[in-house]
N, C-alpha and C. Protein backbone atom coordinates (compact mmCIF):
# COMPACT_ATOMS: atom_id res chain seq x y z
N UNK A 1 110.08 120.60 111.85
CA UNK A 1 108.78 121.02 111.36
C UNK A 1 107.72 120.17 112.05
N UNK A 2 106.76 120.82 112.69
CA UNK A 2 105.68 120.06 113.31
C UNK A 2 104.60 119.73 112.27
N UNK A 3 103.58 119.01 112.71
CA UNK A 3 102.55 118.55 111.79
C UNK A 3 101.85 119.70 111.07
N UNK A 4 101.50 120.74 111.79
CA UNK A 4 100.81 121.88 111.18
C UNK A 4 101.72 122.57 110.15
N UNK A 5 103.00 122.69 110.45
CA UNK A 5 103.95 123.32 109.51
C UNK A 5 104.12 122.46 108.26
N UNK A 6 104.16 121.15 108.42
CA UNK A 6 104.29 120.26 107.25
C UNK A 6 103.07 120.40 106.34
N UNK A 7 101.89 120.40 106.94
CA UNK A 7 100.68 120.55 106.14
C UNK A 7 100.63 121.90 105.44
N UNK A 8 101.04 122.95 106.12
CA UNK A 8 101.04 124.27 105.52
C UNK A 8 102.05 124.35 104.38
N UNK A 9 103.21 123.72 104.55
CA UNK A 9 104.23 123.67 103.50
C UNK A 9 103.62 123.07 102.23
N UNK A 10 102.89 121.98 102.38
CA UNK A 10 102.26 121.32 101.23
C UNK A 10 101.22 122.24 100.60
N UNK A 11 100.44 122.93 101.41
CA UNK A 11 99.41 123.84 100.89
C UNK A 11 100.01 125.05 100.16
N UNK A 12 101.19 125.49 100.62
CA UNK A 12 101.79 126.72 100.09
C UNK A 12 102.59 126.52 98.82
N UNK A 13 102.81 125.30 98.39
CA UNK A 13 103.65 125.06 97.22
C UNK A 13 102.83 124.52 96.07
N UNK A 14 103.49 124.29 94.93
CA UNK A 14 102.72 123.94 93.72
C UNK A 14 103.36 122.86 92.87
N UNK A 15 104.61 122.52 93.12
CA UNK A 15 105.26 121.48 92.31
C UNK A 15 105.75 120.36 93.20
N UNK A 16 105.76 119.19 92.61
CA UNK A 16 106.22 118.02 93.36
C UNK A 16 106.81 117.00 92.40
N UNK A 17 107.52 116.08 92.98
CA UNK A 17 107.96 114.90 92.25
C UNK A 17 107.01 113.78 92.65
N UNK A 18 106.30 113.26 91.68
CA UNK A 18 105.30 112.22 91.92
C UNK A 18 105.97 110.86 91.69
N UNK A 19 106.01 110.04 92.72
CA UNK A 19 106.66 108.74 92.63
C UNK A 19 105.65 107.61 92.69
N UNK A 20 105.84 106.64 91.82
CA UNK A 20 104.90 105.51 91.76
C UNK A 20 105.63 104.28 91.25
N UNK A 21 105.06 103.12 91.55
CA UNK A 21 105.64 101.86 91.11
C UNK A 21 105.28 101.57 89.66
N UNK A 22 106.31 101.32 88.87
CA UNK A 22 106.07 100.96 87.47
C UNK A 22 105.75 99.47 87.36
N UNK A 23 105.10 99.13 86.27
CA UNK A 23 104.76 97.72 86.02
C UNK A 23 106.02 96.88 85.90
N UNK A 24 106.99 97.39 85.17
CA UNK A 24 108.29 96.75 85.01
C UNK A 24 109.35 97.74 85.48
N UNK A 25 110.50 97.24 85.81
CA UNK A 25 111.64 98.07 86.20
C UNK A 25 111.42 98.68 87.59
N UNK A 26 112.18 99.71 87.90
CA UNK A 26 112.11 100.35 89.21
C UNK A 26 111.04 101.42 89.27
N UNK A 27 110.97 102.11 90.40
CA UNK A 27 109.97 103.18 90.56
C UNK A 27 110.17 104.29 89.54
N UNK A 28 109.11 104.99 89.25
CA UNK A 28 109.16 106.14 88.35
C UNK A 28 108.92 107.40 89.15
N UNK A 29 109.49 108.50 88.66
CA UNK A 29 109.29 109.80 89.28
C UNK A 29 109.09 110.82 88.17
N UNK A 30 108.18 111.73 88.38
CA UNK A 30 107.94 112.77 87.40
C UNK A 30 107.57 114.06 88.12
N UNK A 31 108.01 115.19 87.59
CA UNK A 31 107.69 116.48 88.17
C UNK A 31 106.32 116.91 87.65
N UNK A 32 105.44 117.29 88.57
CA UNK A 32 104.09 117.72 88.20
C UNK A 32 103.66 118.90 89.07
N UNK A 33 102.71 119.65 88.57
CA UNK A 33 102.01 120.65 89.37
C UNK A 33 100.88 119.93 90.10
N UNK A 34 100.51 120.46 91.24
CA UNK A 34 99.38 119.92 91.98
C UNK A 34 98.60 121.07 92.59
N UNK A 35 97.36 120.79 92.94
CA UNK A 35 96.54 121.73 93.71
C UNK A 35 95.94 120.94 94.86
N UNK A 36 95.47 121.67 95.85
CA UNK A 36 94.85 121.03 97.00
C UNK A 36 93.34 120.99 96.81
N UNK A 37 92.73 119.93 97.31
CA UNK A 37 91.28 119.81 97.32
C UNK A 37 90.73 120.90 98.24
N UNK A 38 89.73 121.62 97.78
CA UNK A 38 89.14 122.69 98.58
C UNK A 38 88.51 122.18 99.87
N UNK A 39 88.12 120.92 99.88
CA UNK A 39 87.39 120.37 101.03
C UNK A 39 88.28 119.62 102.02
N UNK A 40 89.59 119.57 101.79
CA UNK A 40 90.41 118.79 102.71
C UNK A 40 91.88 118.86 102.39
N UNK A 41 92.56 117.78 102.69
CA UNK A 41 94.01 117.72 102.55
C UNK A 41 94.48 116.95 101.32
N UNK A 42 93.58 116.53 100.45
CA UNK A 42 93.97 115.74 99.29
C UNK A 42 94.73 116.59 98.28
N UNK A 43 95.76 116.00 97.67
CA UNK A 43 96.49 116.62 96.58
C UNK A 43 95.84 116.14 95.28
N UNK A 44 95.63 117.05 94.34
CA UNK A 44 94.99 116.72 93.07
C UNK A 44 95.96 116.99 91.94
N UNK A 45 96.14 115.98 91.10
CA UNK A 45 97.10 116.04 90.01
C UNK A 45 96.36 115.74 88.71
N UNK A 46 96.49 116.64 87.75
CA UNK A 46 95.86 116.45 86.44
C UNK A 46 96.81 115.65 85.55
N UNK A 47 96.26 114.63 84.89
CA UNK A 47 97.04 113.85 83.94
C UNK A 47 96.10 113.25 82.91
N UNK A 48 96.66 112.64 81.90
CA UNK A 48 95.86 111.97 80.89
C UNK A 48 95.66 110.51 81.32
N UNK A 49 94.48 109.96 81.04
CA UNK A 49 94.16 108.60 81.44
C UNK A 49 95.17 107.59 80.89
N UNK A 50 95.73 107.88 79.73
CA UNK A 50 96.66 106.94 79.09
C UNK A 50 98.09 107.03 79.62
N UNK A 51 98.38 108.03 80.46
CA UNK A 51 99.73 108.20 80.98
C UNK A 51 100.05 107.12 82.01
N UNK A 52 101.35 106.88 82.19
CA UNK A 52 101.82 105.87 83.13
C UNK A 52 101.38 106.13 84.56
N UNK A 53 101.31 107.39 84.97
CA UNK A 53 100.90 107.71 86.34
C UNK A 53 99.51 107.15 86.62
N UNK A 54 98.57 107.43 85.74
CA UNK A 54 97.19 106.98 85.95
C UNK A 54 97.11 105.46 85.90
N UNK A 55 97.79 104.85 84.97
CA UNK A 55 97.76 103.39 84.88
C UNK A 55 98.38 102.75 86.12
N UNK A 56 99.48 103.32 86.61
CA UNK A 56 100.15 102.77 87.80
C UNK A 56 99.27 102.90 89.03
N UNK A 57 98.62 104.06 89.20
CA UNK A 57 97.75 104.26 90.35
C UNK A 57 96.57 103.29 90.31
N UNK A 58 96.06 103.01 89.12
CA UNK A 58 94.97 102.05 89.00
C UNK A 58 95.41 100.66 89.46
N UNK A 59 96.68 100.32 89.25
CA UNK A 59 97.21 99.02 89.69
C UNK A 59 97.51 99.00 91.18
N UNK A 60 98.12 100.09 91.66
CA UNK A 60 98.57 100.15 93.06
C UNK A 60 98.54 101.61 93.49
N UNK A 61 97.68 101.94 94.42
CA UNK A 61 97.48 103.31 94.83
C UNK A 61 98.49 103.87 95.82
N UNK A 62 99.48 103.10 96.21
CA UNK A 62 100.51 103.61 97.14
C UNK A 62 101.49 104.47 96.35
N UNK A 63 101.56 105.77 96.70
CA UNK A 63 102.44 106.70 95.99
C UNK A 63 103.20 107.55 96.99
N UNK A 64 104.22 108.21 96.49
CA UNK A 64 104.92 109.22 97.27
C UNK A 64 104.95 110.50 96.46
N UNK A 65 104.90 111.61 97.17
CA UNK A 65 104.92 112.92 96.54
C UNK A 65 105.93 113.75 97.30
N UNK A 66 106.94 114.23 96.59
CA UNK A 66 107.97 115.05 97.22
C UNK A 66 107.70 116.51 96.84
N UNK A 67 107.18 117.27 97.80
CA UNK A 67 106.83 118.67 97.59
C UNK A 67 108.11 119.50 97.62
N UNK A 68 108.35 120.27 96.57
CA UNK A 68 109.58 121.05 96.44
C UNK A 68 109.36 122.50 96.84
N UNK A 69 110.34 123.07 97.52
CA UNK A 69 110.26 124.45 97.97
C UNK A 69 110.53 125.44 96.84
N UNK A 70 111.24 125.05 95.81
CA UNK A 70 111.54 125.87 94.64
C UNK A 70 112.51 127.01 94.91
N UNK A 71 113.20 127.00 96.03
CA UNK A 71 114.25 127.98 96.27
C UNK A 71 115.44 127.27 96.92
N UNK A 72 116.59 127.85 96.78
CA UNK A 72 117.82 127.25 97.25
C UNK A 72 118.21 127.85 98.58
N UNK A 73 118.71 127.12 99.56
CA UNK A 73 118.92 125.68 99.50
C UNK A 73 117.58 124.94 99.55
N UNK A 74 117.51 123.91 98.78
CA UNK A 74 116.27 123.17 98.59
C UNK A 74 115.80 122.51 99.88
N UNK A 75 114.55 122.74 100.22
CA UNK A 75 113.91 121.98 101.28
C UNK A 75 112.69 121.31 100.66
N UNK A 76 112.20 120.32 101.34
CA UNK A 76 111.09 119.56 100.79
C UNK A 76 110.34 118.86 101.91
N UNK A 77 109.14 118.42 101.58
CA UNK A 77 108.37 117.55 102.44
C UNK A 77 107.93 116.37 101.59
N UNK A 78 108.25 115.19 102.06
CA UNK A 78 107.81 113.97 101.38
C UNK A 78 106.46 113.56 101.97
N UNK A 79 105.52 113.25 101.10
CA UNK A 79 104.19 112.82 101.53
C UNK A 79 103.95 111.42 100.98
N UNK A 80 103.51 110.53 101.84
CA UNK A 80 103.10 109.19 101.42
C UNK A 80 101.58 109.17 101.41
N UNK A 81 101.01 108.63 100.35
CA UNK A 81 99.55 108.67 100.26
C UNK A 81 98.95 107.50 99.52
N UNK A 82 97.67 107.39 99.70
CA UNK A 82 96.85 106.44 98.95
C UNK A 82 96.19 107.23 97.83
N UNK A 83 96.42 106.80 96.61
CA UNK A 83 95.92 107.53 95.44
C UNK A 83 94.85 106.73 94.71
N UNK A 84 93.94 107.48 94.11
CA UNK A 84 92.92 106.90 93.24
C UNK A 84 92.82 107.76 91.99
N UNK A 85 92.35 107.16 90.92
CA UNK A 85 92.11 107.90 89.68
C UNK A 85 90.64 108.26 89.63
N UNK A 86 90.36 109.56 89.51
CA UNK A 86 88.98 110.05 89.43
C UNK A 86 88.71 110.44 87.98
N UNK A 87 87.69 109.83 87.38
CA UNK A 87 87.35 110.05 85.97
C UNK A 87 86.28 111.11 85.77
N UNK A 88 85.90 111.83 86.82
CA UNK A 88 84.88 112.86 86.72
C UNK A 88 85.36 113.97 85.79
N UNK A 89 84.64 114.19 84.68
CA UNK A 89 85.05 115.16 83.66
C UNK A 89 85.03 116.60 84.18
N UNK A 90 84.06 116.93 84.99
CA UNK A 90 83.99 118.29 85.53
C UNK A 90 85.17 118.55 86.46
N UNK A 91 85.50 117.59 87.30
CA UNK A 91 86.65 117.73 88.19
C UNK A 91 87.94 117.83 87.38
N UNK A 92 88.06 117.01 86.33
CA UNK A 92 89.26 117.05 85.50
C UNK A 92 89.44 118.43 84.87
N UNK A 93 88.36 119.02 84.38
CA UNK A 93 88.44 120.36 83.78
C UNK A 93 88.77 121.41 84.85
N UNK A 94 88.20 121.26 86.04
CA UNK A 94 88.46 122.21 87.12
C UNK A 94 89.92 122.15 87.57
N UNK A 95 90.45 120.96 87.77
CA UNK A 95 91.85 120.83 88.21
C UNK A 95 92.78 121.33 87.11
N UNK A 96 92.51 120.99 85.86
CA UNK A 96 93.33 121.48 84.77
C UNK A 96 93.31 123.01 84.73
N UNK A 97 92.16 123.61 84.94
CA UNK A 97 92.05 125.07 84.97
C UNK A 97 92.92 125.65 86.08
N UNK A 98 92.84 125.07 87.25
CA UNK A 98 93.63 125.57 88.38
C UNK A 98 95.13 125.41 88.13
N UNK A 99 95.53 124.29 87.54
CA UNK A 99 96.95 124.05 87.24
C UNK A 99 97.44 125.04 86.18
N UNK A 100 96.64 125.26 85.14
CA UNK A 100 97.03 126.22 84.11
C UNK A 100 97.19 127.62 84.70
N UNK A 101 96.34 127.97 85.64
CA UNK A 101 96.47 129.25 86.32
C UNK A 101 97.76 129.34 87.12
N UNK A 102 98.13 128.26 87.80
CA UNK A 102 99.41 128.22 88.51
C UNK A 102 100.57 128.42 87.54
N UNK A 103 100.51 127.71 86.44
CA UNK A 103 101.59 127.78 85.46
C UNK A 103 101.70 129.19 84.88
N UNK A 104 100.57 129.82 84.61
CA UNK A 104 100.57 131.15 84.00
C UNK A 104 100.82 132.25 85.03
N UNK A 105 100.65 131.92 86.30
CA UNK A 105 100.84 132.93 87.34
C UNK A 105 99.68 133.90 87.46
N UNK A 106 98.53 133.51 86.94
CA UNK A 106 97.34 134.35 87.03
C UNK A 106 96.09 133.49 86.89
N UNK A 107 94.99 133.97 87.41
CA UNK A 107 93.73 133.24 87.32
C UNK A 107 93.32 133.09 85.86
N UNK A 108 92.76 131.94 85.55
CA UNK A 108 92.28 131.70 84.19
C UNK A 108 90.94 132.42 84.01
N UNK A 109 90.82 133.26 82.99
CA UNK A 109 89.54 133.97 82.77
C UNK A 109 88.42 132.97 82.47
N UNK A 110 87.24 133.29 82.94
CA UNK A 110 86.08 132.42 82.71
C UNK A 110 85.85 132.19 81.22
N UNK A 111 86.22 133.15 80.39
CA UNK A 111 86.04 133.02 78.94
C UNK A 111 86.85 131.86 78.37
N UNK A 112 87.88 131.43 79.08
CA UNK A 112 88.71 130.31 78.62
C UNK A 112 88.17 128.96 79.07
N UNK A 113 87.18 128.95 79.94
CA UNK A 113 86.67 127.69 80.50
C UNK A 113 86.22 126.70 79.41
N UNK A 114 85.44 127.11 78.40
CA UNK A 114 85.05 126.14 77.37
C UNK A 114 86.26 125.53 76.64
N UNK A 115 87.28 126.33 76.39
CA UNK A 115 88.48 125.83 75.74
C UNK A 115 89.17 124.77 76.61
N UNK A 116 89.27 125.03 77.90
CA UNK A 116 89.92 124.09 78.81
C UNK A 116 89.08 122.83 78.98
N UNK A 117 87.76 122.98 79.03
CA UNK A 117 86.90 121.80 79.11
C UNK A 117 87.08 120.92 77.87
N UNK A 118 87.20 121.53 76.70
CA UNK A 118 87.42 120.77 75.48
C UNK A 118 88.79 120.11 75.51
N UNK A 119 89.80 120.83 75.99
CA UNK A 119 91.14 120.26 76.12
C UNK A 119 91.12 119.03 77.04
N UNK A 120 90.44 119.15 78.16
CA UNK A 120 90.35 118.03 79.11
C UNK A 120 89.66 116.84 78.46
N UNK A 121 88.63 117.12 77.68
CA UNK A 121 87.92 116.04 76.98
C UNK A 121 88.79 115.41 75.90
N UNK A 122 89.40 116.24 75.06
CA UNK A 122 90.23 115.75 73.96
C UNK A 122 91.40 114.91 74.46
N UNK A 123 91.99 115.33 75.57
CA UNK A 123 93.16 114.63 76.13
C UNK A 123 92.76 113.52 77.10
N UNK A 124 91.47 113.31 77.28
CA UNK A 124 90.95 112.33 78.23
C UNK A 124 91.63 112.49 79.59
N UNK A 125 91.52 113.71 80.11
CA UNK A 125 92.11 114.05 81.40
C UNK A 125 91.38 113.38 82.55
N UNK A 126 92.15 112.98 83.54
CA UNK A 126 91.64 112.44 84.79
C UNK A 126 92.36 113.18 85.92
N UNK A 127 91.93 112.92 87.13
CA UNK A 127 92.57 113.51 88.30
C UNK A 127 93.07 112.40 89.19
N UNK A 128 94.34 112.49 89.55
CA UNK A 128 94.88 111.58 90.57
C UNK A 128 94.69 112.29 91.90
N UNK A 129 93.92 111.66 92.76
CA UNK A 129 93.65 112.20 94.09
C UNK A 129 94.52 111.45 95.09
N UNK A 130 95.41 112.18 95.75
CA UNK A 130 96.31 111.58 96.73
C UNK A 130 95.84 111.98 98.12
N UNK A 131 95.49 110.99 98.91
CA UNK A 131 95.09 111.22 100.31
C UNK A 131 96.28 110.89 101.20
N UNK A 132 96.94 111.91 101.77
CA UNK A 132 98.14 111.68 102.58
C UNK A 132 97.84 110.89 103.85
N UNK A 133 98.81 110.05 104.23
CA UNK A 133 98.70 109.38 105.53
C UNK A 133 99.98 109.52 106.35
N UNK A 134 101.09 109.91 105.73
CA UNK A 134 102.34 110.11 106.47
C UNK A 134 103.20 111.12 105.73
N UNK A 135 104.15 111.70 106.45
CA UNK A 135 105.10 112.64 105.86
C UNK A 135 106.50 112.31 106.34
N UNK A 136 107.44 112.89 105.65
CA UNK A 136 108.86 112.75 105.98
C UNK A 136 109.48 114.09 105.62
N UNK A 137 110.23 114.65 106.54
CA UNK A 137 110.81 115.97 106.28
C UNK A 137 112.26 115.99 106.75
N UNK A 138 113.09 116.62 105.98
CA UNK A 138 114.48 116.84 106.36
C UNK A 138 114.77 118.32 106.15
N UNK A 139 115.22 119.02 107.20
CA UNK A 139 115.55 120.43 106.99
C UNK A 139 116.74 120.57 106.05
N UNK A 140 116.79 121.68 105.30
CA UNK A 140 117.90 121.83 104.35
C UNK A 140 119.24 121.97 105.07
N UNK A 141 120.23 121.35 104.51
CA UNK A 141 121.59 121.49 105.00
C UNK A 141 122.42 121.90 103.79
N UNK A 142 123.15 122.99 103.93
CA UNK A 142 123.87 123.48 102.77
C UNK A 142 125.21 124.06 103.19
N UNK A 143 126.17 123.93 102.34
CA UNK A 143 127.49 124.50 102.57
C UNK A 143 127.65 125.69 101.63
N UNK A 144 127.64 126.90 102.20
CA UNK A 144 127.82 128.11 101.41
C UNK A 144 129.30 128.45 101.28
N UNK A 145 130.07 128.06 102.31
CA UNK A 145 131.53 128.29 102.30
C UNK A 145 132.16 127.17 103.10
N UNK A 146 133.45 126.94 102.92
CA UNK A 146 134.12 125.80 103.54
C UNK A 146 133.99 125.78 105.06
N UNK A 147 133.97 126.93 105.70
CA UNK A 147 133.86 126.94 107.17
C UNK A 147 132.50 126.41 107.64
N UNK A 148 131.49 126.37 106.76
CA UNK A 148 130.20 125.81 107.13
C UNK A 148 130.30 124.32 107.45
N UNK A 149 131.31 123.66 106.92
CA UNK A 149 131.50 122.23 107.18
C UNK A 149 131.71 121.97 108.67
N UNK A 150 132.32 122.92 109.38
CA UNK A 150 132.61 122.75 110.79
C UNK A 150 131.35 122.55 111.63
N UNK A 151 130.23 123.12 111.20
CA UNK A 151 128.98 123.01 111.96
C UNK A 151 127.90 122.21 111.25
N UNK A 152 128.26 121.55 110.18
CA UNK A 152 127.30 120.79 109.39
C UNK A 152 126.88 119.55 110.17
N UNK A 153 125.59 119.35 110.29
CA UNK A 153 125.08 118.17 110.99
C UNK A 153 124.21 117.36 110.05
N UNK A 154 124.19 116.10 110.30
CA UNK A 154 123.28 115.19 109.59
C UNK A 154 122.67 114.26 110.61
N UNK A 155 121.49 113.84 110.37
CA UNK A 155 120.83 112.90 111.26
C UNK A 155 119.83 112.10 110.43
N UNK A 156 119.33 111.07 111.01
CA UNK A 156 118.30 110.29 110.32
C UNK A 156 116.93 110.85 110.69
N UNK A 157 115.99 110.59 109.85
CA UNK A 157 114.62 111.04 110.09
C UNK A 157 113.71 109.84 110.00
N UNK A 158 112.46 110.05 110.26
CA UNK A 158 111.49 108.98 110.21
C UNK A 158 110.18 109.51 109.67
N UNK A 159 109.33 108.63 109.22
CA UNK A 159 108.01 109.04 108.77
C UNK A 159 107.18 109.45 109.98
N UNK A 160 106.33 110.45 109.76
CA UNK A 160 105.46 110.96 110.80
C UNK A 160 104.02 110.97 110.29
N UNK A 161 103.04 110.84 111.16
CA UNK A 161 101.66 110.88 110.69
C UNK A 161 101.33 112.18 109.98
N UNK A 162 100.47 112.10 108.99
CA UNK A 162 100.08 113.29 108.24
C UNK A 162 99.40 114.26 109.19
């Protein structure tokens, strides 16, 4: 996958595993929906200010995001990024609206906007903005039948610029 294909893969999908350093213990990972910033390549993730993701990003903005293809055999693109927590209430309501639309599989009607704005306020929603700087990709390798083992290849990969 070249750079343009990696970026398009990220734009075309909607779920990822968000990885971040925990205060104690090992790294944490959680499955989340994301949307892309309309003005660039940033990934936007809606969460509550009190959640571990937001607290961890406030401590250390280095995160990884594993974008999932959602079909088998599973392929993915790993994105390394610098993240910040954005407390802008209008942005939080907008990202939550977009995520809810993804989850429902349809655009959120404008009539629901006040309800979602109240939800974002009540839950103290924030946006984690991830600015990618590198990617890592491995093409899917799968064994559908035993004879596939004869041609199965594995190799190492490396991080590539975003």
